[in-house]
């Protein structure tokens, strides 16, 4: 259904808290925004960033499920690459993508689950 997110390295995703009812059309519009940015080549992982927000990884451990959102450093790299391009069109980085809302703790929790997501082939300090 969301073929533009084929690059996600996981196959279980969930819905963000507070958005228990998500309209497919809203997800498609959200992903279309990132598709446009991807076509503008402002950041090579921009589609991965958008998809990891729209379809965050869901990890189940015993009776508990955890959503893994992008790391702050991943968001900052996306914003640094794409904000100048958006400004050329008199637009700015969307407020709902405020990077301070994401954690920058790239460690693991007690269940050995990652606390945030960043492209696997890039170390967090390189993003």
N, C-alpha and C. Protein backbone atom coordinates (compact mmCIF):
# COMPACT_ATOMS: atom_id res chain seq x y z
N UNK A 1 0.81 -1.19 0.00
CA UNK A 1 0.00 0.00 0.00
C UNK A 1 0.86 1.26 0.00
N UNK A 2 1.95 1.25 0.73
CA UNK A 2 2.84 2.41 0.78
C UNK A 2 4.16 2.03 0.13
N UNK A 3 4.12 1.85 -1.17
CA UNK A 3 5.29 1.35 -1.90
C UNK A 3 6.48 2.29 -1.79
N UNK A 4 6.25 3.58 -1.54
CA UNK A 4 7.38 4.50 -1.42
C UNK A 4 8.20 4.23 -0.16
N UNK A 5 7.69 3.36 0.72
CA UNK A 5 8.42 3.03 1.95
C UNK A 5 9.05 1.64 1.89
N UNK A 6 9.29 1.15 0.69
CA UNK A 6 9.87 -0.18 0.51
C UNK A 6 11.25 -0.32 1.15
N UNK A 7 11.93 0.79 1.40
CA UNK A 7 13.30 0.73 1.92
C UNK A 7 13.36 0.47 3.43
N UNK A 8 12.22 0.52 4.11
CA UNK A 8 12.24 0.30 5.56
C UNK A 8 12.80 -1.09 5.86
N UNK A 9 13.76 -1.18 6.78
CA UNK A 9 14.40 -2.46 7.06
C UNK A 9 13.64 -3.31 8.07
N UNK A 10 12.37 -3.03 8.27
CA UNK A 10 11.56 -3.81 9.21
C UNK A 10 10.19 -4.05 8.58
N UNK A 11 9.47 -5.02 9.13
CA UNK A 11 8.18 -5.35 8.53
C UNK A 11 7.01 -5.21 9.49
N UNK A 12 7.26 -4.74 10.71
CA UNK A 12 6.18 -4.48 11.66
C UNK A 12 6.20 -3.01 12.02
N UNK A 13 5.08 -2.35 11.77
CA UNK A 13 5.00 -0.94 12.12
C UNK A 13 3.75 -0.71 12.95
N UNK A 14 3.68 0.46 13.54
CA UNK A 14 2.56 0.79 14.40
C UNK A 14 2.08 2.20 14.13
N UNK A 15 1.19 2.66 15.00
CA UNK A 15 0.62 3.99 14.90
C UNK A 15 1.11 4.80 16.09
N UNK A 16 1.43 6.04 15.84
CA UNK A 16 1.91 6.91 16.91
C UNK A 16 0.84 7.11 17.96
N UNK A 17 1.22 7.21 19.25
CA UNK A 17 0.24 7.48 20.30
C UNK A 17 -0.49 8.79 20.01
N UNK A 18 -1.78 8.79 20.30
CA UNK A 18 -2.57 9.98 20.04
C UNK A 18 -3.13 10.02 18.63
N UNK A 19 -2.73 9.07 17.81
CA UNK A 19 -3.25 9.01 16.44
C UNK A 19 -3.81 7.62 16.17
N UNK A 20 -4.64 7.14 17.09
CA UNK A 20 -5.14 5.77 16.98
C UNK A 20 -5.99 5.56 15.74
N UNK A 21 -6.63 6.61 15.26
CA UNK A 21 -7.37 6.50 14.01
C UNK A 21 -6.66 7.39 12.99
N UNK A 22 -5.95 6.75 12.09
CA UNK A 22 -5.21 7.49 11.06
C UNK A 22 -5.87 7.20 9.72
N UNK A 23 -6.20 8.25 9.02
CA UNK A 23 -6.78 8.08 7.70
C UNK A 23 -5.68 7.76 6.70
N UNK A 24 -5.95 6.79 5.87
CA UNK A 24 -4.99 6.41 4.84
C UNK A 24 -4.66 7.62 3.97
N UNK A 25 -5.66 8.44 3.66
CA UNK A 25 -5.42 9.61 2.81
C UNK A 25 -4.44 10.59 3.47
N UNK A 26 -4.50 10.72 4.80
CA UNK A 26 -3.57 11.60 5.51
C UNK A 26 -2.15 11.05 5.46
N UNK A 27 -2.01 9.74 5.61
CA UNK A 27 -0.68 9.12 5.50
C UNK A 27 -0.13 9.30 4.09
N UNK A 28 -0.99 9.14 3.11
CA UNK A 28 -0.54 9.31 1.72
C UNK A 28 -0.09 10.74 1.46
N UNK A 29 -0.81 11.72 2.00
CA UNK A 29 -0.41 13.13 1.83
C UNK A 29 0.92 13.39 2.54
N UNK A 30 1.07 12.84 3.74
CA UNK A 30 2.31 12.99 4.50
C UNK A 30 3.48 12.43 3.69
N UNK A 31 3.30 11.24 3.16
CA UNK A 31 4.38 10.61 2.39
C UNK A 31 4.62 11.32 1.06
N UNK A 32 3.59 11.93 0.50
CA UNK A 32 3.75 12.68 -0.74
C UNK A 32 4.69 13.87 -0.52
N UNK A 33 4.57 14.51 0.65
CA UNK A 33 5.46 15.62 1.00
C UNK A 33 6.92 15.15 0.95
N UNK A 34 7.19 13.97 1.51
CA UNK A 34 8.55 13.46 1.51
C UNK A 34 8.97 12.98 0.12
N UNK A 35 8.03 12.52 -0.68
CA UNK A 35 8.35 12.16 -2.06
C UNK A 35 8.82 13.38 -2.85
N UNK A 36 8.14 14.51 -2.63
CA UNK A 36 8.57 15.76 -3.29
C UNK A 36 9.97 16.14 -2.85
N UNK A 37 10.22 16.07 -1.55
CA UNK A 37 11.56 16.40 -1.05
C UNK A 37 12.60 15.45 -1.62
N UNK A 38 12.23 14.18 -1.74
CA UNK A 38 13.15 13.19 -2.30
C UNK A 38 13.50 13.53 -3.75
N UNK A 39 12.50 13.96 -4.52
CA UNK A 39 12.75 14.35 -5.91
C UNK A 39 13.64 15.57 -6.01
N UNK A 40 13.61 16.41 -4.99
CA UNK A 40 14.47 17.60 -4.97
C UNK A 40 15.90 17.27 -4.51
N UNK A 41 16.11 16.03 -4.10
CA UNK A 41 17.44 15.53 -3.69
C UNK A 41 18.08 16.40 -2.60
N UNK A 42 17.28 16.82 -1.63
CA UNK A 42 17.83 17.68 -0.58
C UNK A 42 18.57 16.88 0.50
N UNK A 43 18.23 15.60 0.66
CA UNK A 43 18.90 14.75 1.65
C UNK A 43 18.68 13.31 1.20
N UNK A 44 19.73 12.56 1.08
CA UNK A 44 19.60 11.24 0.46
C UNK A 44 18.73 10.26 1.24
N UNK A 45 18.52 10.48 2.54
CA UNK A 45 17.69 9.59 3.34
C UNK A 45 16.35 10.22 3.71
N UNK A 46 15.91 11.24 2.97
CA UNK A 46 14.69 11.96 3.35
C UNK A 46 13.46 11.05 3.29
N UNK A 47 13.39 10.17 2.32
CA UNK A 47 12.23 9.26 2.23
C UNK A 47 12.25 8.27 3.38
N UNK A 48 13.42 7.78 3.73
CA UNK A 48 13.55 6.87 4.87
C UNK A 48 13.12 7.58 6.15
N UNK A 49 13.49 8.83 6.30
CA UNK A 49 13.10 9.61 7.47
C UNK A 49 11.57 9.74 7.53
N UNK A 50 10.96 10.15 6.43
CA UNK A 50 9.51 10.30 6.40
C UNK A 50 8.78 8.99 6.67
N UNK A 51 9.25 7.93 6.06
CA UNK A 51 8.61 6.63 6.26
C UNK A 51 8.76 6.13 7.69
N UNK A 52 9.90 6.43 8.31
CA UNK A 52 10.11 5.96 9.69
C UNK A 52 9.25 6.74 10.69
N UNK A 53 8.70 7.89 10.27
CA UNK A 53 7.73 8.62 11.10
C UNK A 53 6.32 8.11 10.80
N UNK A 54 5.99 8.00 9.52
CA UNK A 54 4.66 7.57 9.12
C UNK A 54 4.37 6.13 9.52
N UNK A 55 5.37 5.29 9.40
CA UNK A 55 5.23 3.87 9.70
C UNK A 55 6.35 3.44 10.64
N UNK A 56 6.32 3.91 11.89
CA UNK A 56 7.43 3.59 12.81
C UNK A 56 7.50 2.10 13.12
N UNK A 57 8.71 1.65 13.34
CA UNK A 57 8.92 0.25 13.67
C UNK A 57 8.23 -0.08 14.98
N UNK A 58 7.54 -1.19 15.02
CA UNK A 58 6.88 -1.66 16.24
C UNK A 58 7.60 -2.93 16.68
N UNK A 59 8.13 -2.90 17.89
CA UNK A 59 8.84 -4.06 18.42
C UNK A 59 8.05 -4.61 19.59
N UNK A 60 7.73 -5.89 19.52
CA UNK A 60 6.99 -6.55 20.59
C UNK A 60 7.95 -7.33 21.47
N UNK A 61 7.77 -7.18 22.77
CA UNK A 61 8.57 -7.93 23.74
C UNK A 61 7.64 -8.34 24.87
N UNK A 62 7.41 -9.62 24.98
CA UNK A 62 6.44 -10.15 25.93
C UNK A 62 5.08 -9.51 25.64
N UNK A 63 4.48 -8.86 26.61
CA UNK A 63 3.17 -8.24 26.40
C UNK A 63 3.28 -6.75 26.09
N UNK A 64 4.46 -6.30 25.77
CA UNK A 64 4.69 -4.87 25.59
C UNK A 64 5.10 -4.58 24.15
N UNK A 65 4.55 -3.50 23.61
CA UNK A 65 4.92 -3.07 22.26
C UNK A 65 5.56 -1.69 22.35
N UNK A 66 6.62 -1.51 21.59
CA UNK A 66 7.35 -0.24 21.58
C UNK A 66 7.46 0.26 20.15
N UNK A 67 7.17 1.55 19.96
CA UNK A 67 7.39 2.18 18.66
C UNK A 67 8.75 2.85 18.67
N UNK A 68 9.51 2.62 17.62
CA UNK A 68 10.85 3.20 17.50
C UNK A 68 10.79 4.32 16.46
N UNK A 69 10.92 5.55 16.94
CA UNK A 69 10.87 6.73 16.08
C UNK A 69 12.27 7.14 15.66
N UNK A 70 12.40 8.02 14.69
CA UNK A 70 13.73 8.47 14.26
C UNK A 70 14.48 9.17 15.39
N UNK A 71 15.79 9.07 15.37
CA UNK A 71 16.63 9.79 16.33
C UNK A 71 16.65 11.27 15.97
N UNK A 72 16.92 12.09 16.96
CA UNK A 72 17.01 13.54 16.75
C UNK A 72 18.07 13.87 15.71
N UNK A 73 19.20 13.16 15.76
CA UNK A 73 20.27 13.45 14.80
C UNK A 73 19.82 13.15 13.36
N UNK A 74 18.98 12.14 13.18
CA UNK A 74 18.43 11.81 11.87
C UNK A 74 17.52 12.95 11.40
N UNK A 75 16.67 13.45 12.29
CA UNK A 75 15.79 14.58 11.97
C UNK A 75 16.60 15.82 11.63
N UNK A 76 17.63 16.09 12.42
CA UNK A 76 18.44 17.29 12.19
C UNK A 76 19.15 17.23 10.84
N UNK A 77 19.62 16.05 10.47
CA UNK A 77 20.28 15.91 9.17
C UNK A 77 19.28 16.14 8.04
N UNK A 78 18.07 15.61 8.20
CA UNK A 78 17.03 15.82 7.19
C UNK A 78 16.67 17.30 7.10
N UNK A 79 16.49 17.94 8.25
CA UNK A 79 16.14 19.37 8.26
C UNK A 79 17.26 20.21 7.65
N UNK A 80 18.50 19.94 8.04
CA UNK A 80 19.64 20.71 7.52
C UNK A 80 19.75 20.59 6.00
N UNK A 81 19.44 19.40 5.48
CA UNK A 81 19.51 19.21 4.04
C UNK A 81 18.34 19.82 3.29
N UNK A 82 17.16 19.74 3.86
CA UNK A 82 15.95 20.12 3.11
C UNK A 82 15.38 21.49 3.44
N UNK A 83 15.68 22.03 4.59
CA UNK A 83 15.13 23.35 4.93
C UNK A 83 15.55 24.43 3.93
N UNK A 84 16.83 24.47 3.51
CA UNK A 84 17.21 25.49 2.51
C UNK A 84 16.43 25.35 1.20
N UNK A 85 16.13 24.12 0.81
CA UNK A 85 15.36 23.89 -0.41
C UNK A 85 13.93 24.37 -0.22
N UNK A 86 13.35 24.07 0.94
CA UNK A 86 11.99 24.54 1.23
C UNK A 86 11.93 26.07 1.22
N UNK A 87 12.97 26.70 1.75
CA UNK A 87 13.00 28.16 1.81
C UNK A 87 13.04 28.77 0.41
N UNK A 88 13.61 28.07 -0.54
CA UNK A 88 13.61 28.56 -1.93
C UNK A 88 12.19 28.65 -2.48
N UNK A 89 11.27 27.88 -1.87
CA UNK A 89 9.86 27.90 -2.27
C UNK A 89 9.00 28.65 -1.25
N UNK A 90 9.66 29.50 -0.47
CA UNK A 90 8.99 30.28 0.58
C UNK A 90 8.24 29.39 1.58
N UNK A 91 8.81 28.25 1.87
CA UNK A 91 8.25 27.33 2.86
C UNK A 91 9.31 27.09 3.92
N UNK A 92 8.91 26.53 5.02
CA UNK A 92 9.87 26.22 6.08
C UNK A 92 9.67 24.79 6.54
N UNK A 93 10.62 24.32 7.33
CA UNK A 93 10.54 22.98 7.89
C UNK A 93 9.27 22.92 8.75
N UNK A 94 8.41 21.93 8.55
CA UNK A 94 7.14 21.88 9.28
C UNK A 94 7.32 21.78 10.79
N UNK A 95 6.48 22.49 11.51
CA UNK A 95 6.53 22.50 12.97
C UNK A 95 6.30 21.11 13.55
N UNK A 96 5.45 20.32 12.91
CA UNK A 96 5.18 18.98 13.44
C UNK A 96 6.39 18.06 13.32
N UNK A 97 7.42 18.50 12.58
CA UNK A 97 8.67 17.74 12.47
C UNK A 97 9.78 18.36 13.31
N UNK A 98 9.41 19.10 14.33
CA UNK A 98 10.37 19.73 15.23
C UNK A 98 11.31 18.64 15.79
N UNK A 99 12.58 18.78 15.52
CA UNK A 99 13.55 17.73 15.86
C UNK A 99 13.71 17.53 17.37
N UNK A 100 13.43 18.55 18.16
CA UNK A 100 13.58 18.41 19.62
C UNK A 100 12.60 17.40 20.21
N UNK A 101 11.58 17.01 19.47
CA UNK A 101 10.62 16.03 19.99
C UNK A 101 11.17 14.60 19.92
N UNK A 102 12.25 14.41 19.18
CA UNK A 102 12.84 13.09 19.05
C UNK A 102 14.01 12.92 20.01
N UNK A 103 14.20 11.71 20.48
CA UNK A 103 15.31 11.44 21.39
C UNK A 103 16.61 11.32 20.60
N UNK A 104 17.71 11.54 21.28
CA UNK A 104 19.00 11.35 20.63
C UNK A 104 19.76 10.21 21.29
N UNK A 105 19.06 9.43 22.08
CA UNK A 105 19.67 8.30 22.75
C UNK A 105 19.65 7.11 21.80
N UNK A 106 20.79 6.78 21.24
CA UNK A 106 20.87 5.70 20.26
C UNK A 106 21.14 4.34 20.91
N UNK A 107 21.03 4.28 22.23
CA UNK A 107 21.27 3.03 22.94
C UNK A 107 20.09 2.08 22.86
N UNK A 108 20.10 1.11 23.76
CA UNK A 108 19.04 0.11 23.83
C UNK A 108 18.36 0.20 25.20
N UNK A 109 17.09 -0.20 25.25
CA UNK A 109 16.41 -0.22 26.54
C UNK A 109 16.62 -1.58 27.21
N UNK A 110 15.92 -1.82 28.31
CA UNK A 110 16.10 -3.05 29.08
C UNK A 110 15.77 -4.31 28.28
N UNK A 111 14.88 -4.18 27.31
CA UNK A 111 14.51 -5.34 26.47
C UNK A 111 15.41 -5.46 25.24
N UNK A 112 16.51 -4.71 25.22
CA UNK A 112 17.45 -4.71 24.10
C UNK A 112 16.78 -4.21 22.81
N UNK A 113 15.89 -3.25 22.98
CA UNK A 113 15.19 -2.61 21.88
C UNK A 113 15.81 -1.25 21.63
N UNK A 114 16.06 -0.88 20.38
CA UNK A 114 16.63 0.45 20.13
C UNK A 114 15.67 1.54 20.59
N UNK A 115 16.24 2.62 21.11
CA UNK A 115 15.43 3.73 21.62
C UNK A 115 15.02 4.69 20.51
N UNK A 116 15.78 4.71 19.43
CA UNK A 116 15.40 5.54 18.28
C UNK A 116 16.03 4.94 17.03
N UNK A 117 15.57 5.42 15.89
CA UNK A 117 15.96 4.86 14.60
C UNK A 117 16.84 5.82 13.82
N UNK A 118 17.87 5.26 13.23
CA UNK A 118 18.75 6.00 12.34
C UNK A 118 19.18 5.01 11.24
N UNK A 119 19.51 5.47 10.06
CA UNK A 119 19.92 4.50 9.03
C UNK A 119 21.04 3.60 9.55
N UNK A 120 20.87 2.32 9.39
CA UNK A 120 21.81 1.34 9.96
C UNK A 120 23.22 1.46 9.42
N UNK A 121 23.35 1.81 8.17
CA UNK A 121 24.69 1.85 7.58
C UNK A 121 25.41 3.16 7.86
N UNK A 122 24.77 4.04 8.62
CA UNK A 122 25.40 5.31 8.98
C UNK A 122 25.45 5.39 10.50
N UNK A 123 26.60 5.68 11.03
CA UNK A 123 26.71 5.85 12.47
C UNK A 123 26.02 7.15 12.87
N UNK A 124 25.40 7.21 14.08
CA UNK A 124 24.67 8.41 14.49
C UNK A 124 25.47 9.70 14.37
N UNK A 125 26.78 9.67 14.65
CA UNK A 125 27.56 10.91 14.58
C UNK A 125 27.86 11.34 13.14
N UNK A 126 27.56 10.47 12.16
CA UNK A 126 27.81 10.81 10.76
C UNK A 126 26.56 11.35 10.06
N UNK A 127 25.43 11.24 10.70
CA UNK A 127 24.18 11.65 10.06
C UNK A 127 24.09 13.14 9.98
